[in-house]
N, C-alpha and C. Protein backbone atom coordinates (compact mmCIF):
# COMPACT_ATOMS: atom_id res chain seq x y z
N MET A 1 2.49 27.61 -3.08
CA MET A 1 3.71 26.55 -2.98
C MET A 1 3.18 25.36 -2.60
N MET A 2 3.90 24.42 -3.19
CA MET A 2 3.49 23.03 -3.37
C MET A 2 3.71 22.28 -1.93
N GLY A 3 2.65 21.61 -1.59
CA GLY A 3 2.70 20.95 -0.31
C GLY A 3 3.40 19.59 -0.33
N THR A 4 3.62 19.21 0.91
CA THR A 4 4.52 17.95 0.86
C THR A 4 4.03 16.66 -0.11
N VAL A 5 2.64 16.33 0.12
CA VAL A 5 2.16 15.44 -0.75
C VAL A 5 1.95 15.61 -2.19
N ASP A 6 2.07 16.80 -2.72
CA ASP A 6 2.31 17.10 -4.09
C ASP A 6 3.63 16.99 -4.48
N ARG A 7 4.56 17.40 -3.43
CA ARG A 7 6.00 17.33 -3.92
C ARG A 7 6.56 15.92 -4.05
N LEU A 8 6.08 14.81 -3.04
CA LEU A 8 6.12 13.42 -3.08
C LEU A 8 5.67 12.78 -4.46
N LEU A 9 4.31 13.27 -4.88
CA LEU A 9 3.86 12.58 -6.04
C LEU A 9 4.54 13.18 -7.45
N LYS A 10 4.85 14.39 -7.35
CA LYS A 10 5.76 14.94 -8.48
C LYS A 10 7.07 14.23 -8.70
N ALA A 11 7.52 14.14 -7.60
CA ALA A 11 9.09 13.56 -7.60
C ALA A 11 8.96 11.92 -7.99
N THR A 12 7.92 11.50 -8.07
CA THR A 12 7.77 9.88 -8.20
C THR A 12 6.60 9.75 -9.75
N GLU A 13 6.27 10.81 -10.27
CA GLU A 13 5.26 10.45 -11.21
C GLU A 13 5.64 9.27 -12.14
N ASP A 14 7.02 9.26 -12.68
CA ASP A 14 7.23 8.37 -13.54
C ASP A 14 7.26 6.80 -13.02
N ILE A 15 7.53 6.81 -11.80
CA ILE A 15 7.57 5.44 -11.21
C ILE A 15 5.96 5.01 -11.17
N TRP A 16 5.21 5.98 -10.58
CA TRP A 16 3.66 5.65 -10.42
C TRP A 16 3.11 5.33 -11.83
N ALA A 17 3.34 6.17 -12.74
CA ALA A 17 2.96 5.96 -14.02
C ALA A 17 3.14 4.35 -14.67
N SER A 18 4.45 3.82 -14.04
CA SER A 18 4.60 2.52 -14.55
C SER A 18 3.89 1.31 -13.94
N TYR A 19 3.23 1.80 -13.01
CA TYR A 19 2.41 0.63 -12.06
C TYR A 19 1.37 0.18 -13.15
N HIS A 20 0.71 1.22 -13.90
CA HIS A 20 -0.46 0.75 -14.51
C HIS A 20 0.13 -0.04 -15.70
N GLU A 21 1.37 -0.21 -16.06
CA GLU A 21 1.71 -0.95 -17.37
C GLU A 21 2.28 -2.28 -17.06
N LYS A 22 2.46 -2.58 -15.71
CA LYS A 22 2.87 -3.94 -15.17
C LYS A 22 1.87 -5.19 -15.64
N PRO A 23 2.37 -6.19 -16.20
CA PRO A 23 1.53 -7.18 -16.68
C PRO A 23 0.69 -7.61 -15.68
N PHE A 24 0.93 -7.67 -14.46
CA PHE A 24 0.20 -8.15 -13.23
C PHE A 24 -1.03 -7.10 -13.08
N VAL A 25 -0.81 -5.87 -13.08
CA VAL A 25 -1.79 -4.88 -13.04
C VAL A 25 -2.87 -5.01 -14.09
N GLN A 26 -2.05 -5.07 -15.64
CA GLN A 26 -2.96 -5.17 -16.78
C GLN A 26 -3.87 -6.53 -16.43
N GLY A 27 -3.29 -7.69 -16.14
CA GLY A 27 -4.13 -8.84 -15.96
C GLY A 27 -5.28 -8.56 -14.94
N LEU A 28 -5.23 -7.77 -13.94
CA LEU A 28 -6.31 -7.62 -13.09
C LEU A 28 -7.56 -6.72 -13.76
N LYS A 29 -6.83 -5.73 -14.54
CA LYS A 29 -7.76 -4.85 -15.09
C LYS A 29 -8.63 -5.54 -16.00
N TYR A 30 -7.98 -6.45 -16.67
CA TYR A 30 -8.77 -7.17 -18.00
C TYR A 30 -9.29 -8.51 -17.45
N GLY A 31 -9.17 -8.79 -16.45
CA GLY A 31 -9.66 -10.28 -15.74
C GLY A 31 -8.87 -11.35 -16.40
N THR A 32 -7.71 -11.23 -17.01
CA THR A 32 -6.90 -12.26 -17.73
C THR A 32 -5.58 -12.85 -16.89
N LEU A 33 -5.57 -12.29 -15.54
CA LEU A 33 -4.46 -12.56 -14.80
C LEU A 33 -4.52 -14.20 -14.52
N ASP A 34 -3.61 -14.79 -14.54
CA ASP A 34 -3.61 -16.31 -14.24
C ASP A 34 -3.85 -16.34 -12.59
N GLN A 35 -4.83 -17.08 -12.45
CA GLN A 35 -5.14 -17.32 -10.83
C GLN A 35 -4.24 -17.77 -10.04
N LYS A 36 -3.13 -18.53 -10.71
CA LYS A 36 -1.92 -19.09 -9.96
C LYS A 36 -0.95 -17.83 -9.43
N LYS A 37 -1.11 -16.92 -10.21
CA LYS A 37 -0.27 -15.66 -9.93
C LYS A 37 -1.05 -14.84 -8.83
N PHE A 38 -2.20 -14.69 -9.06
CA PHE A 38 -3.03 -13.91 -7.77
C PHE A 38 -2.96 -14.87 -6.59
N ARG A 39 -2.83 -16.03 -6.49
CA ARG A 39 -2.82 -17.01 -5.49
C ARG A 39 -1.47 -16.59 -4.69
N SER A 40 -0.58 -16.73 -5.42
CA SER A 40 0.95 -16.29 -4.92
C SER A 40 0.96 -14.58 -4.41
N TYR A 41 0.35 -13.85 -5.02
CA TYR A 41 0.29 -12.61 -4.73
C TYR A 41 -0.51 -12.36 -3.31
N ILE A 42 -1.56 -13.06 -3.08
CA ILE A 42 -2.43 -13.05 -2.04
C ILE A 42 -1.57 -13.32 -0.88
N ILE A 43 -0.82 -14.59 -0.99
CA ILE A 43 -0.10 -15.04 -0.01
C ILE A 43 1.09 -13.90 0.55
N GLN A 44 1.87 -13.42 -0.40
CA GLN A 44 2.73 -12.58 -0.31
C GLN A 44 2.25 -11.27 0.29
N ASP A 45 1.10 -10.81 -0.20
CA ASP A 45 0.50 -9.72 0.31
C ASP A 45 0.07 -9.61 1.83
N TYR A 46 -0.49 -10.96 2.02
CA TYR A 46 -0.91 -11.14 3.42
C TYR A 46 0.21 -10.88 4.45
N TRP A 47 1.38 -11.31 4.04
CA TRP A 47 2.65 -11.19 4.98
C TRP A 47 3.37 -9.72 4.90
N TYR A 48 3.10 -9.25 3.87
CA TYR A 48 3.53 -7.80 3.84
C TYR A 48 2.36 -6.93 4.75
N LEU A 49 1.23 -7.36 4.74
CA LEU A 49 0.26 -6.63 5.77
C LEU A 49 0.43 -6.79 7.07
N MET A 50 1.05 -7.70 7.27
CA MET A 50 1.35 -7.95 8.73
C MET A 50 2.44 -7.26 9.40
N ASP A 51 3.67 -6.93 8.38
CA ASP A 51 4.44 -5.93 8.58
C ASP A 51 4.08 -4.41 8.74
N TYR A 52 3.27 -4.33 7.85
CA TYR A 52 2.79 -3.12 7.11
C TYR A 52 1.79 -2.60 8.65
N THR A 53 1.16 -3.34 9.02
CA THR A 53 0.38 -3.16 10.45
C THR A 53 1.30 -2.83 11.44
N LYS A 54 2.57 -3.43 11.69
CA LYS A 54 3.53 -3.02 12.59
C LYS A 54 4.10 -1.77 12.53
N VAL A 55 4.07 -1.16 11.27
CA VAL A 55 4.55 0.16 10.99
C VAL A 55 3.64 1.09 11.66
N PHE A 56 2.27 0.72 11.38
CA PHE A 56 1.31 1.92 12.14
C PHE A 56 1.33 1.66 13.60
N ALA A 57 1.79 0.30 14.14
CA ALA A 57 1.66 0.22 15.35
C ALA A 57 3.09 1.07 16.05
N ILE A 58 4.08 1.34 15.38
CA ILE A 58 5.40 2.09 15.74
C ILE A 58 4.72 3.51 15.73
N GLY A 59 3.94 3.89 14.77
CA GLY A 59 3.65 5.19 14.59
C GLY A 59 2.77 5.52 15.81
N VAL A 60 1.85 4.59 16.45
CA VAL A 60 0.99 5.01 17.73
C VAL A 60 2.22 5.19 18.64
N ALA A 61 3.16 4.55 18.89
CA ALA A 61 4.23 4.63 19.86
C ALA A 61 4.90 6.13 19.66
N LYS A 62 5.19 6.54 18.65
CA LYS A 62 5.88 7.77 18.29
C LYS A 62 5.07 9.05 18.18
N SER A 63 3.69 8.83 18.17
CA SER A 63 2.88 10.18 17.80
C SER A 63 3.03 11.14 19.13
N LYS A 64 2.90 12.39 18.58
CA LYS A 64 3.28 13.34 19.47
C LYS A 64 2.00 13.96 20.01
N SER A 65 0.87 13.58 19.58
CA SER A 65 -0.33 14.05 19.88
C SER A 65 -1.44 12.98 19.83
N VAL A 66 -2.52 13.02 20.64
CA VAL A 66 -3.54 12.06 20.50
C VAL A 66 -4.24 11.75 19.32
N GLU A 67 -4.42 12.98 18.56
CA GLU A 67 -5.08 12.97 17.20
C GLU A 67 -4.27 12.09 16.31
N VAL A 68 -3.02 12.37 16.45
CA VAL A 68 -2.12 11.33 15.18
C VAL A 68 -1.97 9.92 15.96
N MET A 69 -2.11 9.80 17.22
CA MET A 69 -2.12 8.60 17.79
C MET A 69 -3.69 7.93 17.24
N LYS A 70 -4.38 8.43 17.43
CA LYS A 70 -5.79 7.83 17.13
C LYS A 70 -5.76 7.62 15.55
N LEU A 71 -5.06 8.40 14.61
CA LEU A 71 -5.13 8.07 13.31
C LEU A 71 -4.39 6.74 13.07
N PHE A 72 -3.20 6.54 13.45
CA PHE A 72 -2.43 5.36 13.35
C PHE A 72 -3.28 4.14 13.86
N ALA A 73 -4.03 4.28 14.98
CA ALA A 73 -4.76 3.27 15.57
C ALA A 73 -5.71 2.87 14.86
N LYS A 74 -6.38 3.92 14.22
CA LYS A 74 -7.61 3.66 13.33
C LYS A 74 -7.26 2.68 12.26
N TYR A 75 -6.04 3.10 11.43
CA TYR A 75 -5.63 2.38 10.32
C TYR A 75 -5.29 0.83 10.93
N ILE A 76 -4.52 0.83 12.08
CA ILE A 76 -4.18 -0.74 12.32
C ILE A 76 -5.91 -1.72 12.25
N GLN A 77 -6.83 -0.81 12.84
CA GLN A 77 -8.02 -1.72 13.03
C GLN A 77 -8.56 -1.82 11.40
N ALA A 78 -8.42 -0.77 10.39
CA ALA A 78 -9.07 -0.89 9.26
C ALA A 78 -8.31 -1.86 8.33
N ILE A 79 -6.96 -2.02 8.62
CA ILE A 79 -6.35 -3.11 7.86
C ILE A 79 -6.55 -4.34 8.32
N LEU A 80 -6.75 -4.52 9.41
CA LEU A 80 -6.99 -6.14 9.97
C LEU A 80 -8.40 -6.55 9.80
N ASP A 81 -9.44 -5.44 9.68
CA ASP A 81 -10.73 -5.93 9.32
C ASP A 81 -11.27 -5.45 8.16
N GLY A 82 -10.37 -4.66 7.43
CA GLY A 82 -10.65 -4.54 6.08
C GLY A 82 -10.01 -5.40 4.89
N GLU A 83 -8.73 -4.97 4.93
CA GLU A 83 -7.88 -5.51 3.65
C GLU A 83 -7.61 -6.94 4.02
N VAL A 84 -7.54 -7.26 5.40
CA VAL A 84 -7.13 -8.86 5.60
C VAL A 84 -8.38 -9.77 5.38
N ASN A 85 -9.28 -8.84 5.66
CA ASN A 85 -10.66 -9.78 5.48
C ASN A 85 -10.85 -10.06 3.92
N VAL A 86 -10.54 -9.21 3.04
CA VAL A 86 -10.46 -9.25 1.58
C VAL A 86 -10.09 -10.61 1.21
N HIS A 87 -8.54 -10.26 1.79
CA HIS A 87 -7.66 -11.53 1.59
C HIS A 87 -8.01 -12.90 2.11
N ASN A 88 -8.72 -12.94 3.31
CA ASN A 88 -9.26 -14.11 3.86
C ASN A 88 -10.22 -14.71 2.94
N GLY A 89 -11.15 -13.91 2.05
CA GLY A 89 -11.96 -14.48 1.34
C GLY A 89 -11.45 -15.12 0.01
N TYR A 90 -10.43 -14.47 -0.32
CA TYR A 90 -9.72 -15.22 -1.65
C TYR A 90 -8.96 -16.22 -1.11
N MET A 91 -8.58 -16.20 0.12
CA MET A 91 -7.75 -17.40 0.73
C MET A 91 -8.49 -18.64 0.73
N ALA A 92 -10.09 -18.37 1.10
CA ALA A 92 -10.86 -19.21 1.29
C ALA A 92 -11.21 -19.86 -0.19
N ASP A 93 -11.18 -19.23 -1.11
CA ASP A 93 -11.44 -19.45 -2.52
C ASP A 93 -10.46 -20.37 -3.02
N PHE A 94 -9.31 -20.14 -2.52
CA PHE A 94 -7.89 -20.82 -2.98
C PHE A 94 -7.60 -22.06 -2.05
N GLY A 95 -8.49 -22.11 -1.05
CA GLY A 95 -8.14 -23.11 0.13
C GLY A 95 -6.95 -22.94 0.61
N ILE A 96 -6.22 -21.84 0.89
CA ILE A 96 -5.13 -21.34 1.47
C ILE A 96 -5.27 -21.57 2.96
N THR A 97 -4.56 -22.31 3.61
CA THR A 97 -4.75 -22.61 5.03
C THR A 97 -3.52 -21.90 5.91
N GLN A 98 -3.63 -21.61 7.14
CA GLN A 98 -2.65 -21.06 8.11
C GLN A 98 -1.42 -21.61 7.91
N GLU A 99 -1.61 -22.98 7.89
CA GLU A 99 -0.35 -23.91 7.82
C GLU A 99 0.40 -23.53 6.67
N GLU A 100 -0.28 -23.48 5.51
CA GLU A 100 0.53 -23.15 3.96
C GLU A 100 1.27 -21.80 4.33
N LEU A 101 0.47 -20.88 4.80
CA LEU A 101 1.15 -19.49 5.01
C LEU A 101 2.12 -19.63 5.77
N ASP A 102 2.08 -20.44 6.90
CA ASP A 102 3.29 -20.41 7.76
C ASP A 102 4.51 -21.22 7.18
N HIS A 103 4.33 -21.75 6.33
CA HIS A 103 5.31 -22.69 5.45
C HIS A 103 5.51 -21.85 4.18
N THR A 104 5.11 -20.87 3.62
CA THR A 104 5.42 -20.26 2.58
C THR A 104 6.42 -19.10 2.83
N PRO A 105 7.44 -19.05 2.01
CA PRO A 105 8.88 -18.33 2.48
C PRO A 105 8.18 -16.87 2.03
N ILE A 106 8.78 -15.82 2.65
CA ILE A 106 8.43 -14.37 2.18
C ILE A 106 9.38 -14.33 1.18
N GLN A 107 9.18 -13.73 0.04
CA GLN A 107 9.92 -13.67 -1.05
C GLN A 107 10.96 -12.31 -0.76
N GLN A 108 12.28 -12.43 -1.41
CA GLN A 108 13.12 -11.53 -1.05
C GLN A 108 12.86 -10.02 -1.16
N ASP A 109 12.08 -9.55 -2.19
CA ASP A 109 11.74 -8.28 -2.57
C ASP A 109 10.66 -7.78 -1.21
N ASN A 110 9.76 -8.91 -1.11
CA ASN A 110 8.96 -8.61 -0.15
C ASN A 110 9.32 -8.04 1.32
N ARG A 111 10.20 -9.02 1.75
CA ARG A 111 10.95 -8.84 3.06
C ARG A 111 11.82 -7.60 2.93
N SER A 112 12.55 -7.22 1.94
CA SER A 112 13.26 -5.97 1.91
C SER A 112 12.52 -4.82 1.78
N TYR A 113 11.29 -4.69 1.17
CA TYR A 113 10.50 -3.68 1.33
C TYR A 113 9.90 -3.44 2.80
N THR A 114 9.28 -4.52 3.38
CA THR A 114 9.01 -4.14 4.75
C THR A 114 9.90 -3.98 5.70
N SER A 115 11.21 -4.50 5.50
CA SER A 115 12.34 -4.36 6.54
C SER A 115 12.64 -2.83 6.32
N TYR A 116 12.51 -2.44 5.15
CA TYR A 116 13.00 -0.82 5.08
C TYR A 116 11.82 -0.10 5.53
N MET A 117 10.57 -0.15 5.48
CA MET A 117 9.65 0.63 6.04
C MET A 117 9.56 0.51 7.49
N LEU A 118 9.88 -0.76 8.12
CA LEU A 118 10.08 -0.76 9.48
C LEU A 118 11.32 -0.20 10.09
N SER A 119 12.49 -0.02 9.20
CA SER A 119 13.61 0.72 9.90
C SER A 119 13.19 2.23 9.64
N VAL A 120 12.64 2.82 8.58
CA VAL A 120 12.12 4.25 8.52
C VAL A 120 11.25 4.47 9.78
N ALA A 121 10.37 3.48 10.05
CA ALA A 121 9.52 3.80 11.46
C ALA A 121 10.56 3.86 12.75
N TYR A 122 10.99 3.11 12.83
CA TYR A 122 12.19 2.93 14.19
C TYR A 122 13.25 4.14 14.22
N ARG A 123 13.38 4.48 13.10
CA ARG A 123 14.55 5.62 13.15
C ARG A 123 13.88 6.87 12.97
N GLY A 124 12.59 7.08 12.46
CA GLY A 124 11.91 8.43 12.09
C GLY A 124 11.02 8.60 13.22
N GLY A 125 9.95 9.56 12.68
CA GLY A 125 8.96 10.11 13.77
C GLY A 125 7.59 9.86 12.70
N GLU A 126 6.77 10.75 13.17
CA GLU A 126 5.55 10.83 12.53
C GLU A 126 5.23 10.90 11.02
N ALA A 127 6.04 12.11 10.52
CA ALA A 127 6.22 12.31 9.21
C ALA A 127 6.75 11.15 8.30
N GLU A 128 7.88 10.72 8.86
CA GLU A 128 8.51 9.40 8.06
C GLU A 128 7.61 8.45 8.15
N ILE A 129 7.07 8.16 8.99
CA ILE A 129 6.30 7.03 9.21
C ILE A 129 4.94 7.22 8.18
N LEU A 130 4.31 8.12 8.11
CA LEU A 130 3.25 8.63 7.32
C LEU A 130 3.70 8.49 5.77
N THR A 131 4.82 9.03 5.62
CA THR A 131 5.39 9.10 4.10
C THR A 131 5.64 7.69 3.50
N ALA A 132 6.29 6.83 4.21
CA ALA A 132 6.43 5.29 3.99
C ALA A 132 5.09 4.59 3.78
N ILE A 133 4.12 4.93 4.81
CA ILE A 133 2.85 4.30 4.47
C ILE A 133 2.20 4.82 3.30
N PHE A 134 2.18 5.95 3.00
CA PHE A 134 1.34 6.68 1.92
C PHE A 134 1.86 5.82 0.82
N SER A 135 2.91 5.66 0.38
CA SER A 135 3.14 5.03 -1.01
C SER A 135 2.43 3.95 -1.28
N CYS A 136 2.04 2.82 -0.42
CA CYS A 136 1.43 1.86 -0.71
C CYS A 136 -0.23 2.18 -0.73
N ALA A 137 -0.56 2.83 0.61
CA ALA A 137 -2.05 3.17 0.67
C ALA A 137 -2.75 3.77 -0.40
N TYR A 138 -2.04 4.79 -0.98
CA TYR A 138 -2.68 5.76 -2.03
C TYR A 138 -2.31 5.13 -3.28
N SER A 139 -1.26 4.62 -3.61
CA SER A 139 -1.10 3.84 -4.83
C SER A 139 -2.04 2.88 -5.42
N TYR A 140 -2.61 2.03 -4.40
CA TYR A 140 -3.66 1.08 -4.44
C TYR A 140 -4.71 1.68 -5.04
N GLU A 141 -5.35 2.93 -4.39
CA GLU A 141 -6.23 3.58 -4.88
C GLU A 141 -6.10 4.14 -6.41
N VAL A 142 -4.99 4.73 -6.69
CA VAL A 142 -4.70 5.26 -7.99
C VAL A 142 -4.75 4.19 -9.07
N ILE A 143 -4.08 2.95 -8.51
CA ILE A 143 -4.16 1.91 -9.54
C ILE A 143 -5.56 1.33 -9.78
N ALA A 144 -6.25 1.27 -8.91
CA ALA A 144 -7.69 0.89 -8.93
C ALA A 144 -8.58 1.76 -9.85
N GLU A 145 -8.53 2.96 -9.54
CA GLU A 145 -9.18 4.13 -10.48
C GLU A 145 -8.82 4.02 -11.76
N ASN A 146 -7.48 3.68 -12.07
CA ASN A 146 -7.02 3.50 -13.34
C ASN A 146 -7.68 2.52 -14.19
N MET A 147 -7.86 1.40 -13.47
CA MET A 147 -8.35 0.16 -14.13
C MET A 147 -9.86 0.54 -14.44
N VAL A 148 -10.45 0.93 -13.61
CA VAL A 148 -12.05 1.32 -13.81
C VAL A 148 -12.15 2.44 -15.02
N LYS A 149 -11.29 3.24 -15.10
CA LYS A 149 -11.33 4.39 -15.75
C LYS A 149 -11.10 3.78 -17.32
N ASN A 150 -10.08 3.04 -17.47
CA ASN A 150 -9.74 2.20 -18.86
C ASN A 150 -10.58 1.15 -19.16
N ASN A 151 -11.26 0.52 -18.08
CA ASN A 151 -11.96 -0.76 -18.35
C ASN A 151 -12.94 -0.69 -17.35
N PRO A 152 -14.09 -0.10 -17.32
CA PRO A 152 -15.31 0.13 -16.45
C PRO A 152 -15.78 -1.43 -16.19
N ALA A 153 -15.55 -2.43 -17.10
CA ALA A 153 -16.11 -3.61 -16.95
C ALA A 153 -15.40 -4.48 -15.86
N SER A 154 -14.14 -3.89 -15.68
CA SER A 154 -13.31 -4.49 -14.72
C SER A 154 -13.98 -4.56 -13.31
N LEU A 155 -15.09 -4.05 -12.95
CA LEU A 155 -15.66 -3.69 -11.62
C LEU A 155 -16.59 -5.01 -11.48
N GLU A 156 -17.04 -5.48 -12.59
CA GLU A 156 -17.88 -6.79 -12.94
C GLU A 156 -17.31 -8.13 -13.04
N ASP A 157 -15.84 -7.93 -12.98
CA ASP A 157 -15.44 -9.35 -13.26
C ASP A 157 -15.46 -10.24 -11.96
N PRO A 158 -16.21 -11.41 -12.36
CA PRO A 158 -16.51 -12.23 -11.16
C PRO A 158 -15.39 -12.64 -10.11
N PHE A 159 -14.08 -12.49 -10.63
CA PHE A 159 -13.20 -13.02 -9.68
C PHE A 159 -12.41 -11.79 -9.04
N TYR A 160 -12.08 -10.88 -10.01
CA TYR A 160 -10.99 -9.78 -9.64
C TYR A 160 -12.14 -8.24 -8.98
N GLY A 161 -13.05 -8.36 -9.54
CA GLY A 161 -13.91 -7.24 -9.36
C GLY A 161 -13.85 -6.74 -7.89
N ASP A 162 -14.05 -7.95 -6.64
CA ASP A 162 -14.31 -7.29 -5.53
C ASP A 162 -13.00 -6.76 -5.12
N TRP A 163 -11.77 -7.22 -5.58
CA TRP A 163 -10.49 -6.62 -5.27
C TRP A 163 -10.38 -5.14 -5.55
N ILE A 164 -11.01 -4.82 -6.82
CA ILE A 164 -10.81 -3.45 -7.34
C ILE A 164 -11.73 -2.58 -6.65
N LYS A 165 -12.98 -3.14 -6.17
CA LYS A 165 -13.97 -2.35 -5.64
C LYS A 165 -13.62 -1.87 -4.16
N GLY A 166 -12.77 -2.72 -3.62
CA GLY A 166 -12.24 -2.39 -2.25
C GLY A 166 -11.40 -1.23 -2.11
N TYR A 167 -10.57 -1.07 -3.33
CA TYR A 167 -9.52 0.00 -3.50
C TYR A 167 -10.25 1.38 -3.88
N ILE A 168 -11.48 1.39 -4.26
CA ILE A 168 -11.95 2.75 -4.58
C ILE A 168 -13.39 3.02 -3.94
N SER A 169 -13.62 1.99 -2.78
CA SER A 169 -14.50 2.28 -1.89
C SER A 169 -14.63 3.53 -1.40
N ASP A 170 -15.60 4.26 -0.91
CA ASP A 170 -15.86 5.42 -0.22
C ASP A 170 -15.04 5.49 1.00
N ASP A 171 -14.99 4.25 1.59
CA ASP A 171 -14.29 4.24 3.12
C ASP A 171 -12.96 4.06 2.91
N TYR A 172 -12.29 3.48 1.83
CA TYR A 172 -10.71 3.39 1.51
C TYR A 172 -10.55 4.78 1.14
N ARG A 173 -11.17 5.56 0.21
CA ARG A 173 -10.90 6.83 -0.11
C ARG A 173 -10.80 7.67 0.95
N GLU A 174 -11.68 7.65 1.80
CA GLU A 174 -11.59 8.58 3.13
C GLU A 174 -10.41 8.52 3.92
N GLU A 175 -10.09 7.35 4.22
CA GLU A 175 -8.85 6.91 4.86
C GLU A 175 -7.82 7.56 4.14
N ASN A 176 -7.59 7.41 2.72
CA ASN A 176 -6.48 8.18 2.29
C ASN A 176 -6.50 9.66 2.34
N LYS A 177 -7.72 10.17 2.11
CA LYS A 177 -7.77 11.83 2.49
C LYS A 177 -7.15 12.09 3.70
N ILE A 178 -7.69 11.49 4.65
CA ILE A 178 -7.20 11.93 6.08
C ILE A 178 -5.76 11.59 6.24
N LEU A 179 -5.03 10.61 5.98
CA LEU A 179 -3.87 10.33 5.86
C LEU A 179 -2.99 11.43 5.03
N LEU A 180 -3.38 11.77 3.71
CA LEU A 180 -2.78 12.80 3.02
C LEU A 180 -2.78 14.19 3.70
N LYS A 181 -3.92 14.47 4.27
CA LYS A 181 -4.27 15.83 5.02
C LYS A 181 -3.19 15.84 5.99
N GLU A 182 -3.13 14.85 6.93
CA GLU A 182 -2.34 14.92 8.16
C GLU A 182 -0.74 14.92 7.59
N LEU A 183 -0.35 14.25 6.58
CA LEU A 183 0.97 14.68 6.26
C LEU A 183 1.15 16.13 5.96
N ASP A 184 0.43 16.48 5.02
CA ASP A 184 0.65 18.05 4.74
C ASP A 184 0.68 18.59 5.89
N HIS A 185 -0.34 18.61 6.88
CA HIS A 185 -0.43 19.16 8.23
C HIS A 185 0.87 19.27 9.14
N ILE A 186 1.44 18.14 9.42
CA ILE A 186 2.55 18.01 10.37
C ILE A 186 3.99 18.42 9.68
N THR A 187 3.99 18.44 8.40
CA THR A 187 5.13 19.04 7.52
C THR A 187 5.14 20.57 7.08
N GLU A 188 3.91 21.09 7.34
CA GLU A 188 3.89 22.54 6.88
C GLU A 188 5.02 23.30 7.08
N ASN A 189 5.62 23.16 8.25
CA ASN A 189 6.79 24.29 8.57
C ASN A 189 8.12 23.18 8.47
N TYR A 190 8.25 22.34 7.70
CA TYR A 190 9.37 21.60 7.52
C TYR A 190 10.38 22.40 6.55
N SER A 191 11.62 22.22 6.75
CA SER A 191 12.74 22.79 5.99
C SER A 191 12.82 22.02 4.77
N GLU A 192 13.59 22.73 3.58
CA GLU A 192 13.80 21.86 2.50
C GLU A 192 14.50 20.69 2.63
N LYS A 193 15.55 20.64 3.54
CA LYS A 193 16.20 19.40 3.81
C LYS A 193 15.42 18.25 4.45
N GLN A 194 14.36 18.80 5.44
CA GLN A 194 13.34 17.51 5.91
C GLN A 194 12.69 17.24 4.85
N ILE A 195 12.11 18.01 3.74
CA ILE A 195 11.18 17.54 2.90
C ILE A 195 11.98 16.66 1.92
N GLU A 196 13.33 16.97 1.68
CA GLU A 196 14.07 16.36 0.57
C GLU A 196 14.27 14.83 1.21
N HIS A 197 14.16 14.84 2.60
CA HIS A 197 14.36 13.22 3.31
C HIS A 197 13.24 12.57 3.10
N LEU A 198 12.03 13.30 3.03
CA LEU A 198 10.92 12.64 2.90
C LEU A 198 10.64 12.22 1.54
N VAL A 199 11.14 13.05 0.52
CA VAL A 199 10.96 12.45 -0.83
C VAL A 199 11.93 11.20 -1.05
N HIS A 200 13.01 11.23 -0.35
CA HIS A 200 13.82 10.08 -0.64
C HIS A 200 13.18 8.83 -0.01
N ILE A 201 12.53 9.02 0.94
CA ILE A 201 11.71 7.79 1.52
C ILE A 201 10.70 7.24 0.66
N PHE A 202 9.93 8.51 0.25
CA PHE A 202 8.96 7.83 -0.63
C PHE A 202 9.26 7.26 -1.88
N THR A 203 10.34 7.83 -2.53
CA THR A 203 10.74 7.45 -3.56
C THR A 203 11.36 5.86 -3.61
N VAL A 204 12.05 5.59 -2.46
CA VAL A 204 12.59 4.28 -2.25
C VAL A 204 11.04 3.41 -2.03
N CYS A 205 10.28 3.77 -1.15
CA CYS A 205 8.92 2.79 -1.08
C CYS A 205 8.37 2.73 -2.36
N SER A 206 8.28 3.92 -3.40
CA SER A 206 7.57 3.77 -4.70
C SER A 206 8.18 2.70 -5.41
N ARG A 207 9.50 2.66 -5.43
CA ARG A 207 10.31 1.69 -6.30
C ARG A 207 9.98 0.31 -5.75
N TYR A 208 10.01 0.09 -4.43
CA TYR A 208 9.47 -1.19 -3.81
C TYR A 208 8.23 -1.55 -4.15
N GLU A 209 7.14 -0.69 -4.28
CA GLU A 209 5.92 -0.89 -4.86
C GLU A 209 5.85 -1.42 -6.44
N LEU A 210 6.79 -0.91 -7.18
CA LEU A 210 7.03 -1.24 -8.40
C LEU A 210 7.50 -2.79 -8.73
N ALA A 211 8.51 -3.05 -7.53
CA ALA A 211 9.23 -4.30 -7.70
C ALA A 211 8.21 -5.42 -7.15
N PHE A 212 7.34 -5.00 -6.15
CA PHE A 212 6.35 -5.83 -5.56
C PHE A 212 5.19 -6.30 -7.07
N TRP A 213 4.96 -5.42 -7.83
CA TRP A 213 4.27 -5.99 -8.76
C TRP A 213 4.86 -6.60 -9.98
N GLU A 214 6.06 -6.65 -10.05
CA GLU A 214 6.99 -7.43 -10.76
C GLU A 214 7.14 -8.73 -10.08
N MET A 215 7.39 -8.69 -8.92
CA MET A 215 7.61 -10.09 -7.96
C MET A 215 6.37 -10.86 -8.06
N SER A 216 5.07 -10.15 -8.24
CA SER A 216 3.89 -10.87 -8.20
C SER A 216 3.76 -11.53 -9.35
N TRP A 217 4.29 -10.86 -10.56
CA TRP A 217 4.01 -11.66 -11.98
C TRP A 217 4.94 -12.53 -12.12
N THR A 218 6.32 -12.51 -11.64
CA THR A 218 7.16 -13.45 -11.87
C THR A 218 7.05 -14.86 -10.77
N MET A 219 6.30 -14.53 -9.70
CA MET A 219 5.99 -15.46 -8.65
C MET A 219 7.40 -15.94 -8.17
């Protein structure tokens, strides 16, 4: 019998396949992406991560066990100390200040995406929150792995190489394994109706991920 994670991935395989073809992702893979576009992406993704972290915080409040509470809390720390630090490094390279961040509007697709995830978190429970989070967390690993598979030299790119390395690092992969295992575990006795609800959430978030890559390209 197919587990929840496999069900989610199977239902969205066409959407996920489209990630790799987006011009922004292709530009990262081959090091040809206009740095102005990446600068815009870094700013938008910074604000995305701020709300993304809040989704995990809601997960802490909604946890039914200490184990799941610790899981959500661990991810909050990992995002703030890991991904945000990578962003801070690029922000320093681009000369992006906190004042500029504060005065840069959050693009509509970005705001819509994070608002949806926060809505799911406030209305749902552990499984719904994990499902909403999973789309972003795991897709970045899959995208980075595909980049390296099709262009191993991407890891050595002087500008984008560090970004790619971060999402295929042992630490990042291990965090995703824990996330996926927990989602399968807490939904092992879910009814078909409950699973279908999670598939809906995951599909919406996957479409938002696709829109985010397009937004990053068009600026």
